[in-house]
Amino acid sequence: MTTYIVFINWTEQGIKNVRESPKRLDAAKKALSDMGGSFKEFYLTMGEYDMVAVCEAPDDAVAARFCLTLGQAGSVRTKTLKAFPESAYRELIGSLG
């Protein structure tokens, strides 16, 4: 599985209906699970982003489909980073010439 860091901001629609946010999170977790992925961690944050999630997905296409599905619902906008675990980081750095 590949790890993704997802930065999430509410849209105007999302913040107007913020009390529904926990239900939307549950629906997002189910949607990702149905695609073969999972949420590893989720945080409400203060600062540039409203929420941050650490997710796993089988591949980039699943991660993209998941984020597009979230965006389509209209309550959030996402920015996603593909994350490499420490072992991959060490392997990549070790392979430099």
PDB file of N, CA and C in Angstrom:
ATOM      1  N   MET A   1       0.840  -1.192   0.000  1.00  0.00           N
ATOM      2  CA  MET A   1       0.000   0.000   0.000  1.00  0.00           C
ATOM      3  C   MET A   1       0.879   1.247   0.000  1.00  0.00           C
ATOM      4  N   THR A   2       0.395   2.253  -0.659  1.00  0.00           N
ATOM      5  CA  THR A   2       1.076   3.538  -0.710  1.00  0.00           C
ATOM      6  C   THR A   2       0.409   4.494   0.272  1.00  0.00           C
ATOM      7  N   THR A   3       1.219   5.314   0.923  1.00  0.00           N
ATOM      8  CA  THR A   3       0.706   6.281   1.899  1.00  0.00           C
ATOM      9  C   THR A   3       0.547   7.645   1.241  1.00  0.00           C
ATOM     10  N   TYR A   4      -0.520   8.324   1.599  1.00  0.00           N
ATOM     11  CA  TYR A   4      -0.801   9.668   1.093  1.00  0.00           C
ATOM     12  C   TYR A   4      -1.160  10.571   2.270  1.00  0.00           C
ATOM     13  N   ILE A   5      -0.643  11.789   2.233  1.00  0.00           N
ATOM     14  CA  ILE A   5      -1.007  12.813   3.200  1.00  0.00           C
ATOM     15  C   ILE A   5      -2.016  13.707   2.488  1.00  0.00           C
ATOM     16  N   VAL A   6      -3.203  13.837   3.054  1.00  0.00           N
ATOM     17  CA  VAL A   6      -4.263  14.611   2.409  1.00  0.00           C
ATOM     18  C   VAL A   6      -4.564  15.834   3.274  1.00  0.00           C
ATOM     19  N   PHE A   7      -4.326  17.012   2.696  1.00  0.00           N
ATOM     20  CA  PHE A   7      -4.658  18.278   3.350  1.00  0.00           C
ATOM     21  C   PHE A   7      -6.059  18.657   2.890  1.00  0.00           C
ATOM     22  N   ILE A   8      -6.915  19.004   3.838  1.00  0.00           N
ATOM     23  CA  ILE A   8      -8.331  19.202   3.531  1.00  0.00           C
ATOM     24  C   ILE A   8      -8.800  20.560   4.056  1.00  0.00           C
ATOM     25  N   ASN A   9      -9.518  21.281   3.209  1.00  0.00           N
ATOM     26  CA  ASN A   9     -10.176  22.524   3.618  1.00  0.00           C
ATOM     27  C   ASN A   9     -11.656  22.434   3.301  1.00  0.00           C
ATOM     28  N   TRP A  10     -12.466  22.956   4.213  1.00  0.00           N
ATOM     29  CA  TRP A  10     -13.892  23.033   3.942  1.00  0.00           C
ATOM     30  C   TRP A  10     -14.152  24.062   2.860  1.00  0.00           C
ATOM     31  N   THR A  11     -15.115  23.797   2.020  1.00  0.00           N
ATOM     32  CA  THR A  11     -15.636  24.796   1.095  1.00  0.00           C
ATOM     33  C   THR A  11     -16.658  25.624   1.871  1.00  0.00           C
ATOM     34  N   GLU A  12     -17.212  26.632   1.229  1.00  0.00           N
ATOM     35  CA  GLU A  12     -18.259  27.411   1.887  1.00  0.00           C
ATOM     36  C   GLU A  12     -19.429  26.498   2.265  1.00  0.00           C
ATOM     37  N   GLN A  13     -19.801  25.609   1.369  1.00  0.00           N
ATOM     38  CA  GLN A  13     -20.872  24.639   1.640  1.00  0.00           C
ATOM     39  C   GLN A  13     -20.508  23.753   2.832  1.00  0.00           C
ATOM     40  N   GLY A  14     -19.254  23.310   2.890  1.00  0.00           N
ATOM     41  CA  GLY A  14     -18.817  22.425   3.965  1.00  0.00           C
ATOM     42  C   GLY A  14     -18.852  23.077   5.337  1.00  0.00           C
ATOM     43  N   ILE A  15     -18.418  24.329   5.399  1.00  0.00           N
ATOM     44  CA  ILE A  15     -18.395  24.995   6.700  1.00  0.00           C
ATOM     45  C   ILE A  15     -19.810  25.401   7.126  1.00  0.00           C
ATOM     46  N   LYS A  16     -20.683  25.715   6.176  1.00  0.00           N
ATOM     47  CA  LYS A  16     -22.073  26.029   6.531  1.00  0.00           C
ATOM     48  C   LYS A  16     -22.758  24.821   7.169  1.00  0.00           C
ATOM     49  N   ASN A  17     -22.348  23.639   6.746  1.00  0.00           N
ATOM     50  CA  ASN A  17     -22.932  22.397   7.267  1.00  0.00           C
ATOM     51  C   ASN A  17     -21.916  21.629   8.101  1.00  0.00           C
ATOM     52  N   VAL A  18     -21.121  22.353   8.882  1.00  0.00           N
ATOM     53  CA  VAL A  18     -20.018  21.739   9.626  1.00  0.00           C
ATOM     54  C   VAL A  18     -20.500  20.673  10.614  1.00  0.00           C
ATOM     55  N   ARG A  19     -21.702  20.818  11.116  1.00  0.00           N
ATOM     56  CA  ARG A  19     -22.200  19.814  12.068  1.00  0.00           C
ATOM     57  C   ARG A  19     -22.374  18.448  11.415  1.00  0.00           C
ATOM     58  N   GLU A  20     -22.461  18.435  10.094  1.00  0.00           N
ATOM     59  CA  GLU A  20     -22.575  17.174   9.352  1.00  0.00           C
ATOM     60  C   GLU A  20     -21.204  16.580   9.035  1.00  0.00           C
ATOM     61  N   SER A  21     -20.146  17.288   9.374  1.00  0.00           N
ATOM     62  CA  SER A  21     -18.794  16.858   9.025  1.00  0.00           C
ATOM     63  C   SER A  21     -18.432  15.466   9.546  1.00  0.00           C
ATOM     64  N   PRO A  22     -18.767  15.106  10.785  1.00  0.00           N
ATOM     65  CA  PRO A  22     -18.439  13.744  11.236  1.00  0.00           C
ATOM     66  C   PRO A  22     -19.109  12.657  10.382  1.00  0.00           C
ATOM     67  N   LYS A  23     -20.333  12.899   9.946  1.00  0.00           N
ATOM     68  CA  LYS A  23     -21.005  11.940   9.073  1.00  0.00           C
ATOM     69  C   LYS A  23     -20.301  11.863   7.715  1.00  0.00           C
ATOM     70  N   ARG A  24     -19.858  13.022   7.227  1.00  0.00           N
ATOM     71  CA  ARG A  24     -19.137  13.031   5.949  1.00  0.00           C
ATOM     72  C   ARG A  24     -17.805  12.300   6.083  1.00  0.00           C
ATOM     73  N   LEU A  25     -17.137  12.447   7.229  1.00  0.00           N
ATOM     74  CA  LEU A  25     -15.890  11.714   7.463  1.00  0.00           C
ATOM     75  C   LEU A  25     -16.144  10.214   7.457  1.00  0.00           C
ATOM     76  N   ASP A  26     -17.198   9.785   8.127  1.00  0.00           N
ATOM     77  CA  ASP A  26     -17.538   8.356   8.127  1.00  0.00           C
ATOM     78  C   ASP A  26     -17.793   7.856   6.707  1.00  0.00           C
ATOM     79  N   ALA A  27     -18.498   8.661   5.903  1.00  0.00           N
ATOM     80  CA  ALA A  27     -18.779   8.280   4.514  1.00  0.00           C
ATOM     81  C   ALA A  27     -17.488   8.223   3.697  1.00  0.00           C
ATOM     82  N   ALA A  28     -16.566   9.151   3.958  1.00  0.00           N
ATOM     83  CA  ALA A  28     -15.282   9.156   3.247  1.00  0.00           C
ATOM     84  C   ALA A  28     -14.465   7.921   3.616  1.00  0.00           C
ATOM     85  N   LYS A  29     -14.464   7.570   4.891  1.00  0.00           N
ATOM     86  CA  LYS A  29     -13.738   6.368   5.318  1.00  0.00           C
ATOM     87  C   LYS A  29     -14.296   5.128   4.639  1.00  0.00           C
ATOM     88  N   LYS A  30     -15.616   5.051   4.539  1.00  0.00           N
ATOM     89  CA  LYS A  30     -16.239   3.906   3.880  1.00  0.00           C
ATOM     90  C   LYS A  30     -15.906   3.888   2.392  1.00  0.00           C
ATOM     91  N   ALA A  31     -15.964   5.059   1.758  1.00  0.00           N
ATOM     92  CA  ALA A  31     -15.663   5.139   0.324  1.00  0.00           C
ATOM     93  C   ALA A  31     -14.244   4.664   0.045  1.00  0.00           C
ATOM     94  N   LEU A  32     -13.283   5.123   0.841  1.00  0.00           N
ATOM     95  CA  LEU A  32     -11.896   4.706   0.630  1.00  0.00           C
ATOM     96  C   LEU A  32     -11.739   3.215   0.905  1.00  0.00           C
ATOM     97  N   SER A  33     -12.390   2.725   1.933  1.00  0.00           N
ATOM     98  CA  SER A  33     -12.343   1.303   2.242  1.00  0.00           C
ATOM     99  C   SER A  33     -12.899   0.470   1.083  1.00  0.00           C
ATOM    100  N   ASP A  34     -14.005   0.936   0.509  1.00  0.00           N
ATOM    101  CA  ASP A  34     -14.608   0.239  -0.630  1.00  0.00           C
ATOM    102  C   ASP A  34     -13.674   0.216  -1.844  1.00  0.00           C
ATOM    103  N   MET A  35     -12.751   1.170  -1.906  1.00  0.00           N
ATOM    104  CA  MET A  35     -11.780   1.232  -3.002  1.00  0.00           C
ATOM    105  C   MET A  35     -10.510   0.442  -2.687  1.00  0.00           C
ATOM    106  N   GLY A  36     -10.464  -0.159  -1.494  1.00  0.00           N
ATOM    107  CA  GLY A  36      -9.301  -0.957  -1.114  1.00  0.00           C
ATOM    108  C   GLY A  36      -8.279  -0.228  -0.275  1.00  0.00           C
ATOM    109  N   GLY A  37      -8.600   0.987   0.177  1.00  0.00           N
ATOM    110  CA  GLY A  37      -7.676   1.768   0.989  1.00  0.00           C
ATOM    111  C   GLY A  37      -8.188   1.939   2.407  1.00  0.00           C
ATOM    112  N   SER A  38      -7.524   2.825   3.163  1.00  0.00           N
ATOM    113  CA  SER A  38      -7.955   3.077   4.535  1.00  0.00           C
ATOM    114  C   SER A  38      -7.385   4.392   5.052  1.00  0.00           C
ATOM    115  N   PHE A  39      -8.070   4.936   6.042  1.00  0.00           N
ATOM    116  CA  PHE A  39      -7.561   6.086   6.791  1.00  0.00           C
ATOM    117  C   PHE A  39      -6.671   5.521   7.894  1.00  0.00           C
ATOM    118  N   LYS A  40      -5.463   6.015   8.031  1.00  0.00           N
ATOM    119  CA  LYS A  40      -4.578   5.609   9.121  1.00  0.00           C
ATOM    120  C   LYS A  40      -4.670   6.594  10.284  1.00  0.00           C
ATOM    121  N   GLU A  41      -4.798   7.878   9.952  1.00  0.00           N
ATOM    122  CA  GLU A  41      -4.923   8.914  10.980  1.00  0.00           C
ATOM    123  C   GLU A  41      -5.751  10.050  10.413  1.00  0.00           C
ATOM    124  N   PHE A  42      -6.414  10.796  11.291  1.00  0.00           N
ATOM    125  CA  PHE A  42      -7.196  11.952  10.890  1.00  0.00           C
ATOM    126  C   PHE A  42      -7.074  13.008  11.980  1.00  0.00           C
ATOM    127  N   TYR A  43      -6.887  14.260  11.566  1.00  0.00           N
ATOM    128  CA  TYR A  43      -6.733  15.358  12.523  1.00  0.00           C
ATOM    129  C   TYR A  43      -7.550  16.572  12.086  1.00  0.00           C
ATOM    130  N   LEU A  44      -8.216  17.204  13.031  1.00  0.00           N
ATOM    131  CA  LEU A  44      -8.728  18.554  12.855  1.00  0.00           C
ATOM    132  C   LEU A  44      -7.533  19.449  13.151  1.00  0.00           C
ATOM    133  N   THR A  45      -7.257  20.410  12.285  1.00  0.00           N
ATOM    134  CA  THR A  45      -6.046  21.216  12.470  1.00  0.00           C
ATOM    135  C   THR A  45      -6.370  22.710  12.484  1.00  0.00           C
ATOM    136  N   MET A  46      -5.433  23.474  13.022  1.00  0.00           N
ATOM    137  CA  MET A  46      -5.519  24.925  13.029  1.00  0.00           C
ATOM    138  C   MET A  46      -4.398  25.436  12.142  1.00  0.00           C
ATOM    139  N   GLY A  47      -4.697  26.405  11.317  1.00  0.00           N
ATOM    140  CA  GLY A  47      -3.690  26.949  10.423  1.00  0.00           C
ATOM    141  C   GLY A  47      -4.192  26.937   8.990  1.00  0.00           C
ATOM    142  N   GLU A  48      -3.305  26.656   8.066  1.00  0.00           N
ATOM    143  CA  GLU A  48      -3.628  26.731   6.643  1.00  0.00           C
ATOM    144  C   GLU A  48      -4.686  25.716   6.214  1.00  0.00           C
ATOM    145  N   TYR A  49      -4.726  24.575   6.878  1.00  0.00           N
ATOM    146  CA  TYR A  49      -5.679  23.521   6.519  1.00  0.00           C
ATOM    147  C   TYR A  49      -6.621  23.248   7.684  1.00  0.00           C
ATOM    148  N   ASP A  50      -7.847  22.880   7.340  1.00  0.00           N
ATOM    149  CA  ASP A  50      -8.851  22.583   8.364  1.00  0.00           C
ATOM    150  C   ASP A  50      -8.689  21.182   8.944  1.00  0.00           C
ATOM    151  N   MET A  51      -8.244  20.252   8.097  1.00  0.00           N
ATOM    152  CA  MET A  51      -8.070  18.861   8.507  1.00  0.00           C
ATOM    153  C   MET A  51      -6.892  18.260   7.748  1.00  0.00           C
ATOM    154  N   VAL A  52      -6.313  17.208   8.318  1.00  0.00           N
ATOM    155  CA  VAL A  52      -5.243  16.454   7.663  1.00  0.00           C
ATOM    156  C   VAL A  52      -5.525  14.975   7.892  1.00  0.00           C
ATOM    157  N   ALA A  53      -5.394  14.190   6.821  1.00  0.00           N
ATOM    158  CA  ALA A  53      -5.588  12.746   6.938  1.00  0.00           C
ATOM    159  C   ALA A  53      -4.361  12.029   6.403  1.00  0.00           C
ATOM    160  N   VAL A  54      -4.024  10.933   7.024  1.00  0.00           N
ATOM    161  CA  VAL A  54      -2.997  10.028   6.519  1.00  0.00           C
ATOM    162  C   VAL A  54      -3.758   8.802   6.042  1.00  0.00           C
ATOM    163  N   CYS A  55      -3.657   8.545   4.747  1.00  0.00           N
ATOM    164  CA  CYS A  55      -4.423   7.461   4.137  1.00  0.00           C
ATOM    165  C   CYS A  55      -3.503   6.505   3.405  1.00  0.00           C
ATOM    166  N   GLU A  56      -3.997   5.312   3.192  1.00  0.00           N
ATOM    167  CA  GLU A  56      -3.305   4.340   2.358  1.00  0.00           C
ATOM    168  C   GLU A  56      -4.237   3.923   1.241  1.00  0.00           C
ATOM    169  N   ALA A  57      -3.663   3.713   0.063  1.00  0.00           N
ATOM    170  CA  ALA A  57      -4.417   3.251  -1.100  1.00  0.00           C
ATOM    171  C   ALA A  57      -3.528   2.301  -1.890  1.00  0.00           C
ATOM    172  N   PRO A  58      -4.147   1.402  -2.652  1.00  0.00           N
ATOM    173  CA  PRO A  58      -3.363   0.437  -3.414  1.00  0.00           C
ATOM    174  C   PRO A  58      -2.455   1.081  -4.472  1.00  0.00           C
ATOM    175  N   ASP A  59      -2.873   2.233  -5.022  1.00  0.00           N
ATOM    176  CA  ASP A  59      -2.070   2.893  -6.054  1.00  0.00           C
ATOM    177  C   ASP A  59      -2.535   4.338  -6.231  1.00  0.00           C
ATOM    178  N   ASP A  60      -1.810   5.065  -7.080  1.00  0.00           N
ATOM    179  CA  ASP A  60      -2.114   6.476  -7.299  1.00  0.00           C
ATOM    180  C   ASP A  60      -3.496   6.682  -7.913  1.00  0.00           C
ATOM    181  N   ALA A  61      -3.920   5.775  -8.772  1.00  0.00           N
ATOM    182  CA  ALA A  61      -5.225   5.921  -9.410  1.00  0.00           C
ATOM    183  C   ALA A  61      -6.348   5.856  -8.379  1.00  0.00           C
ATOM    184  N   VAL A  62      -6.240   4.960  -7.420  1.00  0.00           N
ATOM    185  CA  VAL A  62      -7.248   4.863  -6.356  1.00  0.00           C
ATOM    186  C   VAL A  62      -7.229   6.132  -5.509  1.00  0.00           C
ATOM    187  N   ALA A  63      -6.050   6.615  -5.166  1.00  0.00           N
ATOM    188  CA  ALA A  63      -5.954   7.841  -4.365  1.00  0.00           C
ATOM    189  C   ALA A  63      -6.573   9.017  -5.110  1.00  0.00           C
ATOM    190  N   ALA A  64      -6.299   9.117  -6.407  1.00  0.00           N
ATOM    191  CA  ALA A  64      -6.870  10.204  -7.207  1.00  0.00           C
ATOM    192  C   ALA A  64      -8.389  10.088  -7.277  1.00  0.00           C
ATOM    193  N   ARG A  65      -8.893   8.881  -7.518  1.00  0.00           N
ATOM    194  CA  ARG A  65     -10.338   8.667  -7.589  1.00  0.00           C
ATOM    195  C   ARG A  65     -10.994   9.031  -6.255  1.00  0.00           C
ATOM    196  N   PHE A  66     -10.356   8.663  -5.159  1.00  0.00           N
ATOM    197  CA  PHE A  66     -10.885   8.991  -3.841  1.00  0.00           C
ATOM    198  C   PHE A  66     -10.976  10.504  -3.647  1.00  0.00           C
ATOM    199  N   CYS A  67      -9.902  11.218  -3.950  1.00  0.00           N
ATOM    200  CA  CYS A  67      -9.903  12.677  -3.762  1.00  0.00           C
ATOM    201  C   CYS A  67     -10.897  13.364  -4.701  1.00  0.00           C
ATOM    202  N   LEU A  68     -11.027  12.854  -5.913  1.00  0.00           N
ATOM    203  CA  LEU A  68     -12.021  13.404  -6.833  1.00  0.00           C
ATOM    204  C   LEU A  68     -13.435  13.166  -6.310  1.00  0.00           C
ATOM    205  N   THR A  69     -13.660  12.010  -5.731  1.00  0.00           N
ATOM    206  CA  THR A  69     -14.964  11.695  -5.140  1.00  0.00           C
ATOM    207  C   THR A  69     -15.286  12.660  -4.006  1.00  0.00           C
ATOM    208  N   LEU A  70     -14.283  12.946  -3.159  1.00  0.00           N
ATOM    209  CA  LEU A  70     -14.493  13.918  -2.072  1.00  0.00           C
ATOM    210  C   LEU A  70     -14.846  15.289  -2.634  1.00  0.00           C
ATOM    211  N   GLY A  71     -14.085  15.729  -3.620  1.00  0.00           N
ATOM    212  CA  GLY A  71     -14.316  17.039  -4.217  1.00  0.00           C
ATOM    213  C   GLY A  71     -15.679  17.151  -4.876  1.00  0.00           C
ATOM    214  N   GLN A  72     -16.099  16.076  -5.508  1.00  0.00           N
ATOM    215  CA  GLN A  72     -17.386  16.051  -6.193  1.00  0.00           C
ATOM    216  C   GLN A  72     -18.549  16.318  -5.248  1.00  0.00           C
ATOM    217  N   ALA A  73     -18.416  15.899  -4.012  1.00  0.00           N
ATOM    218  CA  ALA A  73     -19.487  16.088  -3.029  1.00  0.00           C
ATOM    219  C   ALA A  73     -19.667  17.560  -2.658  1.00  0.00           C
ATOM    220  N   GLY A  74     -18.623  18.376  -2.853  1.00  0.00           N
ATOM    221  CA  GLY A  74     -18.751  19.815  -2.675  1.00  0.00           C
ATOM    222  C   GLY A  74     -18.463  20.385  -1.306  1.00  0.00           C
ATOM    223  N   SER A  75     -18.147  19.559  -0.327  1.00  0.00           N
ATOM    224  CA  SER A  75     -17.931  20.072   1.026  1.00  0.00           C
ATOM    225  C   SER A  75     -16.477  20.358   1.354  1.00  0.00           C
ATOM    226  N   VAL A  76     -15.557  19.742   0.610  1.00  0.00           N
ATOM    227  CA  VAL A  76     -14.131  19.947   0.872  1.00  0.00           C
ATOM    228  C   VAL A  76     -13.336  20.059  -0.428  1.00  0.00           C
ATOM    229  N   ARG A  77     -12.160  20.643  -0.289  1.00  0.00           N
ATOM    230  CA  ARG A  77     -11.132  20.658  -1.338  1.00  0.00           C
ATOM    231  C   ARG A  77      -9.913  19.982  -0.728  1.00  0.00           C
ATOM    232  N   THR A  78      -9.182  19.246  -1.544  1.00  0.00           N
ATOM    233  CA  THR A  78      -8.020  18.519  -1.024  1.00  0.00           C
ATOM    234  C   THR A  78      -6.752  18.871  -1.782  1.00  0.00           C
ATOM    235  N   LYS A  79      -5.636  18.684  -1.098  1.00  0.00           N
ATOM    236  CA  LYS A  79      -4.294  18.695  -1.684  1.00  0.00           C
ATOM    237  C   LYS A  79      -3.633  17.436  -1.154  1.00  0.00           C
ATOM    238  N   THR A  80      -3.053  16.661  -2.051  1.00  0.00           N
ATOM    239  CA  THR A  80      -2.556  15.349  -1.659  1.00  0.00           C
ATOM    240  C   THR A  80      -1.079  15.195  -1.967  1.00  0.00           C
ATOM    241  N   LEU A  81      -0.354  14.629  -1.009  1.00  0.00           N
ATOM    242  CA  LEU A  81       1.064  14.319  -1.178  1.00  0.00           C
ATOM    243  C   LEU A  81       1.249  12.811  -1.112  1.00  0.00           C
ATOM    244  N   LYS A  82       2.049  12.280  -2.016  1.00  0.00           N
ATOM    245  CA  LYS A  82       2.440  10.876  -1.925  1.00  0.00           C
ATOM    246  C   LYS A  82       3.596  10.827  -0.929  1.00  0.00           C
ATOM    247  N   ALA A  83       3.503   9.922   0.032  1.00  0.00           N
ATOM    248  CA  ALA A  83       4.507   9.860   1.101  1.00  0.00           C
ATOM    249  C   ALA A  83       5.326   8.572   0.993  1.00  0.00           C
ATOM    250  N   PHE A  84       6.620   8.705   1.190  1.00  0.00           N
ATOM    251  CA  PHE A  84       7.525   7.561   1.183  1.00  0.00           C
ATOM    252  C   PHE A  84       7.937   7.254   2.626  1.00  0.00           C
ATOM    253  N   PRO A  85       7.801   6.014   3.051  1.00  0.00           N
ATOM    254  CA  PRO A  85       8.199   5.677   4.425  1.00  0.00           C
ATOM    255  C   PRO A  85       9.716   5.786   4.588  1.00  0.00           C
ATOM    256  N   GLU A  86      10.164   5.766   5.832  1.00  0.00           N
ATOM    257  CA  GLU A  86      11.585   5.933   6.124  1.00  0.00           C
ATOM    258  C   GLU A  86      12.444   4.920   5.375  1.00  0.00           C
ATOM    259  N   SER A  87      12.010   3.679   5.284  1.00  0.00           N
ATOM    260  CA  SER A  87      12.816   2.664   4.591  1.00  0.00           C
ATOM    261  C   SER A  87      13.017   3.031   3.117  1.00  0.00           C
ATOM    262  N   ALA A  88      11.976   3.527   2.467  1.00  0.00           N
ATOM    263  CA  ALA A  88      12.106   3.946   1.067  1.00  0.00           C
ATOM    264  C   ALA A  88      12.996   5.186   0.969  1.00  0.00           C
ATOM    265  N   TYR A  89      12.850   6.098   1.903  1.00  0.00           N
ATOM    266  CA  TYR A  89      13.692   7.284   1.949  1.00  0.00           C
ATOM    267  C   TYR A  89      15.171   6.883   2.016  1.00  0.00           C
ATOM    268  N   ARG A  90      15.498   5.982   2.929  1.00  0.00           N
ATOM    269  CA  ARG A  90      16.881   5.548   3.082  1.00  0.00           C
ATOM    270  C   ARG A  90      17.393   4.866   1.823  1.00  0.00           C
ATOM    271  N   GLU A  91      16.554   4.050   1.209  1.00  0.00           N
ATOM    272  CA  GLU A  91      16.934   3.364  -0.030  1.00  0.00           C
ATOM    273  C   GLU A  91      17.185   4.374  -1.155  1.00  0.00           C
ATOM    274  N   LEU A  92      16.303   5.359  -1.277  1.00  0.00           N
ATOM    275  CA  LEU A  92      16.480   6.379  -2.312  1.00  0.00           C
ATOM    276  C   LEU A  92      17.758   7.185  -2.102  1.00  0.00           C
ATOM    277  N   ILE A  93      17.983   7.613  -0.866  1.00  0.00           N
ATOM    278  CA  ILE A  93      19.184   8.409  -0.570  1.00  0.00           C
ATOM    279  C   ILE A  93      20.432   7.546  -0.771  1.00  0.00           C
ATOM    280  N   GLY A  94      20.357   6.305  -0.366  1.00  0.00           N
ATOM    281  CA  GLY A  94      21.500   5.399  -0.529  1.00  0.00           C
ATOM    282  C   GLY A  94      21.852   5.101  -1.973  1.00  0.00           C
ATOM    283  N   SER A  95      20.886   5.262  -2.866  1.00  0.00           N
ATOM    284  CA  SER A  95      21.133   4.966  -4.273  1.00  0.00           C
ATOM    285  C   SER A  95      21.712   6.141  -5.044  1.00  0.00           C
ATOM    286  N   LEU A  96      21.860   7.287  -4.377  1.00  0.00           N
ATOM    287  CA  LEU A  96      22.417   8.457  -5.066  1.00  0.00           C
ATOM    288  C   LEU A  96      23.896   8.243  -5.368  1.00  0.00           C
ATOM    289  N   GLY A  97      24.298   8.700  -6.507  1.00  0.00           N
ATOM    290  CA  GLY A  97      25.690   8.537  -6.939  1.00  0.00           C
ATOM    291  C   GLY A  97      26.666   9.422  -6.260  1.00  0.00           C
TER     292      GLY A  97
END
